[in-house]
C-alpha atoms as a PDB file:
ATOM      1  CA  MET A   1     -13.132  24.594  -9.265  1.00  0.00           C
ATOM      2  CA  SER A   2     -10.950  25.643 -11.755  1.00  0.00           C
ATOM      3  CA  GLY A   3     -11.542  23.044 -14.333  1.00  0.00           C
ATOM      4  CA  SER A   4      -9.424  20.650 -12.821  1.00  0.00           C
ATOM      5  CA  SER A   5     -11.532  16.981 -12.301  1.00  0.00           C
ATOM      6  CA  ARG A   6      -8.677  17.144  -8.810  1.00  0.00           C
ATOM      7  CA  ASP A   7     -10.975  17.492  -5.664  1.00  0.00           C
ATOM      8  CA  VAL A   8      -8.604  19.740  -3.968  1.00  0.00           C
ATOM      9  CA  CYS A   9     -10.872  19.434  -0.723  1.00  0.00           C
ATOM     10  CA  SER A  10     -10.741  16.430   0.093  1.00  0.00           C
ATOM     11  CA  GLU A  11      -8.987  13.303   1.413  1.00  0.00           C
ATOM     12  CA  ALA A  12      -9.182   9.638   0.524  1.00  0.00           C
ATOM     13  CA  TYR A  13      -8.083   6.778   2.940  1.00  0.00           C
ATOM     14  CA  VAL A  14      -7.119   3.693   0.875  1.00  0.00           C
ATOM     15  CA  LEU A  15      -7.194   0.745   3.536  1.00  0.00           C
ATOM     16  CA  ASP A  16      -5.526  -2.380   4.258  1.00  0.00           C
ATOM     17  CA  ALA A  17      -7.008  -5.575   5.922  1.00  0.00           C
ATOM     18  CA  ALA A  18      -5.136  -3.496   9.405  1.00  0.00           C
ATOM     19  CA  GLY A  19      -7.433  -1.084   8.837  1.00  0.00           C
ATOM     20  CA  LEU A  20     -10.843  -2.950   8.134  1.00  0.00           C
ATOM     21  CA  PHE A  21     -10.503  -5.225  11.236  1.00  0.00           C
ATOM     22  CA  ALA A  22     -10.136  -1.793  13.525  1.00  0.00           C
ATOM     23  CA  SER A  23     -13.221  -0.381  11.577  1.00  0.00           C
ATOM     24  CA  LEU A  24     -11.525   2.755  11.034  1.00  0.00           C
ATOM     25  CA  PRO A  25     -13.879   3.674   7.740  1.00  0.00           C
ATOM     26  CA  LEU A  26     -16.594   4.332  10.411  1.00  0.00           C
ATOM     27  CA  THR A  27     -14.526   7.389  12.382  1.00  0.00           C
ATOM     28  CA  LEU A  28     -11.927   7.806   9.551  1.00  0.00           C
ATOM     29  CA  PRO A  29     -13.140  11.975   8.454  1.00  0.00           C
ATOM     30  CA  GLY A  30     -12.076  11.029   4.729  1.00  0.00           C
ATOM     31  CA  ASN A  31     -13.735   9.058   2.130  1.00  0.00           C
ATOM     32  CA  SER A  32     -12.141   5.541   2.482  1.00  0.00           C
ATOM     33  CA  TYR A  33     -11.055   2.657  -0.006  1.00  0.00           C
ATOM     34  CA  THR A  34      -9.920  -0.619  -0.338  1.00  0.00           C
ATOM     35  CA  THR A  35     -10.034  -3.243  -2.675  1.00  0.00           C
ATOM     36  CA  PRO A  36     -11.433  -6.732  -3.392  1.00  0.00           C
ATOM     37  CA  LEU A  37      -8.498  -8.524  -2.694  1.00  0.00           C
ATOM     38  CA  VAL A  38      -8.262  -7.166   0.484  1.00  0.00           C
ATOM     39  CA  ALA A  39     -12.102  -7.123   1.885  1.00  0.00           C
ATOM     40  CA  ALA A  40     -12.256 -10.209   1.098  1.00  0.00           C
ATOM     41  CA  GLU A  41      -9.588 -10.310   3.851  1.00  0.00           C
ATOM     42  CA  VAL A  42     -11.460 -10.660   6.322  1.00  0.00           C
ATOM     43  CA  ILE A  43     -12.761 -13.239   8.074  1.00  0.00           C
ATOM     44  CA  ASP A  44     -13.847 -12.645  11.045  1.00  0.00           C
ATOM     45  CA  SER A  45     -17.784 -12.065  12.122  1.00  0.00           C
ATOM     46  CA  GLU A  46     -17.159  -9.314  14.053  1.00  0.00           C
ATOM     47  CA  SER A  47     -14.910  -7.274  11.166  1.00  0.00           C
ATOM     48  CA  LYS A  48     -17.182  -8.976   8.331  1.00  0.00           C
ATOM     49  CA  LYS A  49     -20.316  -7.185  10.483  1.00  0.00           C
ATOM     50  CA  SER A  50     -18.535  -3.526  10.720  1.00  0.00           C
ATOM     51  CA  LEU A  51     -17.375  -3.664   6.803  1.00  0.00           C
ATOM     52  CA  GLU A  52     -21.275  -4.540   6.020  1.00  0.00           C
ATOM     53  CA  TYR A  53     -21.960  -1.874   8.119  1.00  0.00           C
ATOM     54  CA  ALA A  54     -19.296   1.133   5.967  1.00  0.00           C
ATOM     55  CA  LEU A  55     -20.376  -0.055   3.084  1.00  0.00           C
ATOM     56  CA  VAL A  56     -24.113   0.180   2.987  1.00  0.00           C
ATOM     57  CA  SER A  57     -23.822   3.571   5.072  1.00  0.00           C
ATOM     58  CA  ASN A  58     -21.615   4.579   2.167  1.00  0.00           C
ATOM     59  CA  LYS A  59     -18.562   5.379   4.740  1.00  0.00           C
ATOM     60  CA  LEU A  60     -16.310   2.876   2.207  1.00  0.00           C
ATOM     61  CA  VAL A  61     -15.756   2.301  -1.546  1.00  0.00           C
ATOM     62  CA  ILE A  62     -14.687  -1.559  -2.998  1.00  0.00           C
ATOM     63  CA  MET A  63     -13.060  -1.564  -6.359  1.00  0.00           C
ATOM     64  CA  ASP A  64     -10.490  -2.483  -8.416  1.00  0.00           C
ATOM     65  CA  PRO A  65      -8.076  -0.266  -8.928  1.00  0.00           C
ATOM     66  CA  PRO A  66      -6.609  -0.006 -13.576  1.00  0.00           C
ATOM     67  CA  LYS A  67      -4.019  -2.722 -14.565  1.00  0.00           C
ATOM     68  CA  GLU A  68      -1.771   0.563 -14.994  1.00  0.00           C
ATOM     69  CA  SER A  69      -1.485   1.749 -11.333  1.00  0.00           C
ATOM     70  CA  ILE A  70      -0.733  -1.923 -10.804  1.00  0.00           C
ATOM     71  CA  GLU A  71       1.869  -1.976 -13.470  1.00  0.00           C
ATOM     72  CA  LYS A  72       3.432   0.745 -11.911  1.00  0.00           C
ATOM     73  CA  VAL A  73       2.880  -0.221  -8.306  1.00  0.00           C
ATOM     74  CA  ARG A  74       5.406  -2.897  -9.053  1.00  0.00           C
ATOM     75  CA  GLU A  75       7.647  -0.778 -11.109  1.00  0.00           C
ATOM     76  CA  VAL A  76       7.941   1.503  -8.578  1.00  0.00           C
ATOM     77  CA  ALA A  77       8.831  -1.580  -5.891  1.00  0.00           C
ATOM     78  CA  ARG A  78      10.854  -3.312  -8.706  1.00  0.00           C
ATOM     79  CA  ARG A  79      12.894  -0.111  -8.928  1.00  0.00           C
ATOM     80  CA  ILE A  80      12.980   0.135  -4.892  1.00  0.00           C
ATOM     81  CA  GLY A  81      13.739  -3.281  -3.856  1.00  0.00           C
ATOM     82  CA  GLU A  82      10.656  -3.795  -2.584  1.00  0.00           C
ATOM     83  CA  LEU A  83       8.801  -5.757  -5.147  1.00  0.00           C
ATOM     84  CA  GLY A  84       9.731  -8.990  -3.487  1.00  0.00           C
ATOM     85  CA  ASN A  85       7.541  -8.074   0.435  1.00  0.00           C
ATOM     86  CA  LEU A  86       4.508  -7.561  -0.862  1.00  0.00           C
ATOM     87  CA  SER A  87       1.879  -9.120  -1.772  1.00  0.00           C
ATOM     88  CA  GLU A  88      -0.855  -9.402  -4.068  1.00  0.00           C
ATOM     89  CA  ALA A  89      -3.557  -7.400  -2.136  1.00  0.00           C
ATOM     90  CA  ASP A  90      -0.713  -5.082  -0.560  1.00  0.00           C
ATOM     91  CA  ILE A  91      -0.137  -4.360  -4.111  1.00  0.00           C
ATOM     92  CA  SER A  92      -4.108  -3.685  -5.704  1.00  0.00           C
ATOM     93  CA  ILE A  93      -3.776  -1.042  -2.680  1.00  0.00           C
ATOM     94  CA  LEU A  94      -1.525   1.304  -2.941  1.00  0.00           C
ATOM     95  CA  ALA A  95      -2.689   1.172  -6.470  1.00  0.00           C
ATOM     96  CA  LEU A  96      -5.761   1.846  -5.719  1.00  0.00           C
ATOM     97  CA  ALA A  97      -3.947   4.901  -3.932  1.00  0.00           C
ATOM     98  CA  HIS A  98      -1.596   5.810  -7.017  1.00  0.00           C
ATOM     99  CA  THR A  99      -5.043   6.603  -8.843  1.00  0.00           C
ATOM    100  CA  LEU A 100      -6.891   8.335  -6.170  1.00  0.00           C
ATOM    101  CA  LEU A 101      -4.292  10.286  -6.353  1.00  0.00           C
ATOM    102  CA  SER A 102      -5.132  11.545  -9.488  1.00  0.00           C
ATOM    103  CA  ARG A 103      -9.080  13.043  -8.398  1.00  0.00           C
ATOM    104  CA  TYR A 104      -8.024  14.447  -4.064  1.00  0.00           C
ATOM    105  CA  ARG A 105      -6.118  16.366  -2.560  1.00  0.00           C
ATOM    106  CA  ARG A 106      -4.505  14.191  -0.120  1.00  0.00           C
ATOM    107  CA  VAL A 107      -4.531  10.109  -0.318  1.00  0.00           C
ATOM    108  CA  ILE A 108      -3.443   8.560   2.616  1.00  0.00           C
ATOM    109  CA  VAL A 109      -2.138   4.680   2.778  1.00  0.00           C
ATOM    110  CA  VAL A 110      -3.587   2.713   6.370  1.00  0.00           C
ATOM    111  CA  THR A 111      -1.550   0.604   7.402  1.00  0.00           C
ATOM    112  CA  ASP A 112       0.850  -0.770   9.132  1.00  0.00           C
ATOM    113  CA  ASP A 113       2.784  -2.465   6.982  1.00  0.00           C
ATOM    114  CA  LYS A 114       6.510  -0.648   6.132  1.00  0.00           C
ATOM    115  CA  SER A 115       7.244  -1.577   2.820  1.00  0.00           C
ATOM    116  CA  VAL A 116       3.695  -1.212   1.667  1.00  0.00           C
ATOM    117  CA  GLN A 117       4.621   2.977   3.461  1.00  0.00           C
ATOM    118  CA  ASN A 118       7.544   2.937   1.727  1.00  0.00           C
ATOM    119  CA  VAL A 119       6.428   2.069  -2.290  1.00  0.00           C
ATOM    120  CA  ALA A 120       3.130   4.733  -1.035  1.00  0.00           C
ATOM    121  CA  LEU A 121       6.026   7.643   0.258  1.00  0.00           C
ATOM    122  CA  TYR A 122       7.555   7.243  -3.088  1.00  0.00           C
ATOM    123  CA  LEU A 123       3.987   6.881  -5.625  1.00  0.00           C
ATOM    124  CA  GLY A 124       3.436  10.365  -3.607  1.00  0.00           C
ATOM    125  CA  ALA A 125       0.649   8.817  -1.366  1.00  0.00           C
ATOM    126  CA  GLU A 126       0.770  10.208   2.679  1.00  0.00           C
ATOM    127  CA  ILE A 127       1.080   7.206   5.489  1.00  0.00           C
ATOM    128  CA  TYR A 128      -0.661   6.517   8.580  1.00  0.00           C
ATOM    129  CA  GLY A 129      -0.502   3.761  11.008  1.00  0.00           C
ATOM    130  CA  ILE A 130      -2.730   2.018  12.921  1.00  0.00           C
ATOM    131  CA  LYS A 131      -0.960   0.113  15.612  1.00  0.00           C
ATOM    132  CA  ARG A 132       2.715   0.706  14.579  1.00  0.00           C
ATOM    133  CA  LYS A 133       4.888   4.222  14.377  1.00  0.00           C
ATOM    134  CA  THR A 134       4.946   5.066  10.353  1.00  0.00           C
ATOM    135  CA  ILE A 135       8.073   5.123   8.229  1.00  0.00           C
ATOM    136  CA  ARG A 136       9.680   9.587   8.845  1.00  0.00           C
ATOM    137  CA  ARG A 137      11.210   8.767   4.697  1.00  0.00           C
ATOM    138  CA  PRO A 138      10.964   6.689   1.975  1.00  0.00           C
ATOM    139  CA  LYS A 139      14.101   3.589   1.595  1.00  0.00           C
ATOM    140  CA  LEU A 140      15.716   2.196  -1.701  1.00  0.00           C
ATOM    141  CA  PHE A 141      16.969  -1.147  -0.574  1.00  0.00           C
ATOM    142  CA  SER A 142      18.861  -3.892  -3.101  1.00  0.00           C
ATOM    143  CA  TYR A 143      19.963  -7.689  -2.455  1.00  0.00           C
ATOM    144  CA  VAL A 144      22.965  -8.944  -0.684  1.00  0.00           C
ATOM    145  CA  CYS A 145      24.528 -12.048  -1.081  1.00  0.00           C
ATOM    146  CA  PRO A 146      26.484 -12.339   2.756  1.00  0.00           C
ATOM    147  CA  ALA A 147      29.140 -14.988   1.218  1.00  0.00           C
ATOM    148  CA  CYS A 148      30.102 -13.507  -2.373  1.00  0.00           C
ATOM    149  CA  GLY A 149      28.641  -9.644  -1.851  1.00  0.00           C
ATOM    150  CA  TYR A 150      26.289 -10.652  -5.284  1.00  0.00           C
ATOM    151  CA  GLU A 151      24.201  -6.870  -5.467  1.00  0.00           C
ATOM    152  CA  SER A 152      19.924  -7.746  -6.847  1.00  0.00           C
ATOM    153  CA  ALA A 153      17.178  -5.176  -6.931  1.00  0.00           C
ATOM    154  CA  GLU A 154      14.865  -8.352  -5.906  1.00  0.00           C
ATOM    155  CA  ALA A 155      15.041 -10.636  -2.978  1.00  0.00           C
ATOM    156  CA  GLY A 156      16.301 -14.294  -3.934  1.00  0.00           C
ATOM    157  CA  THR A 157      19.015 -16.721  -4.167  1.00  0.00           C
ATOM    158  CA  CYS A 158      22.235 -15.665  -5.241  1.00  0.00           C
ATOM    159  CA  PRO A 159      22.980 -16.588  -8.911  1.00  0.00           C
ATOM    160  CA  VAL A 160      26.583 -16.986  -8.219  1.00  0.00           C
ATOM    161  CA  CYS A 161      27.210 -19.514  -4.833  1.00  0.00           C
ATOM    162  CA  GLY A 162      23.483 -19.633  -3.741  1.00  0.00           C
ATOM    163  CA  HIS A 163      23.006 -18.425  -0.594  1.00  0.00           C
ATOM    164  CA  LYS A 164      19.905 -16.065  -0.203  1.00  0.00           C
ATOM    165  CA  LEU A 165      20.376 -12.733  -0.212  1.00  0.00           C
ATOM    166  CA  ARG A 166      19.471 -10.534   2.725  1.00  0.00           C
ATOM    167  CA  LYS A 167      17.674  -6.970   2.545  1.00  0.00           C
ATOM    168  CA  ARG A 168      20.108  -3.876   2.756  1.00  0.00           C
ATOM    169  CA  SER A 169      19.242  -0.220   2.666  1.00  0.00           C
ATOM    170  CA  ARG A 170      20.324   2.019   0.412  1.00  0.00           C
ATOM    171  CA  SER A 171      19.448   5.097   0.988  1.00  0.00           C
END
C-alpha cells in the first residue's frame, strides 16, 4: 500500500439488529461489525446462537464507536432532520460506520430503517436493505406545524400553538 492506513481492498458491513436476526454475519463476504447496544437487542435463543457463532468464528466484531463519531452523527442527523427518529442503538451503528470509513474502502450499513439509511448516505457510507428496498438518495427533512406553519429542524410540539409538528421532505 502507499503508506495509507486505509485498507483499499476491503469492505466492512455494519449491522443493525435486523442484520443480526437474519444471521448475516455468517454469509457476508467482508468484515462485519456491530455495537454493544445493538448486540443487546438480540434476545431470542436462535439469534443469540447465531451471534455467538459469528463472534467465535471471527465473522463479527462488536465495538463501541468513539465519542467524536457519535457527536458527528448527532450533528448530521440534526442538520438533516433525522435526529428525533434515531435510537441510541441507531446512532451507535452510524457512528461505528463513520469510524470505519477511515479504515475501509467501502462501508455498508445493513438496515431496513429508512432514517438510518438516510443518515448513512449523508455520512458517505453505502446501504443495504434486508427485507425492504433501500432509499435511492438522501433527503433533508424539516418539521412543520399543520396549524400555523411554524418550521423546525427537530420533531416535537409547536412552541407557537401547541400542535404536534409533522415531518416534511425538503429535498
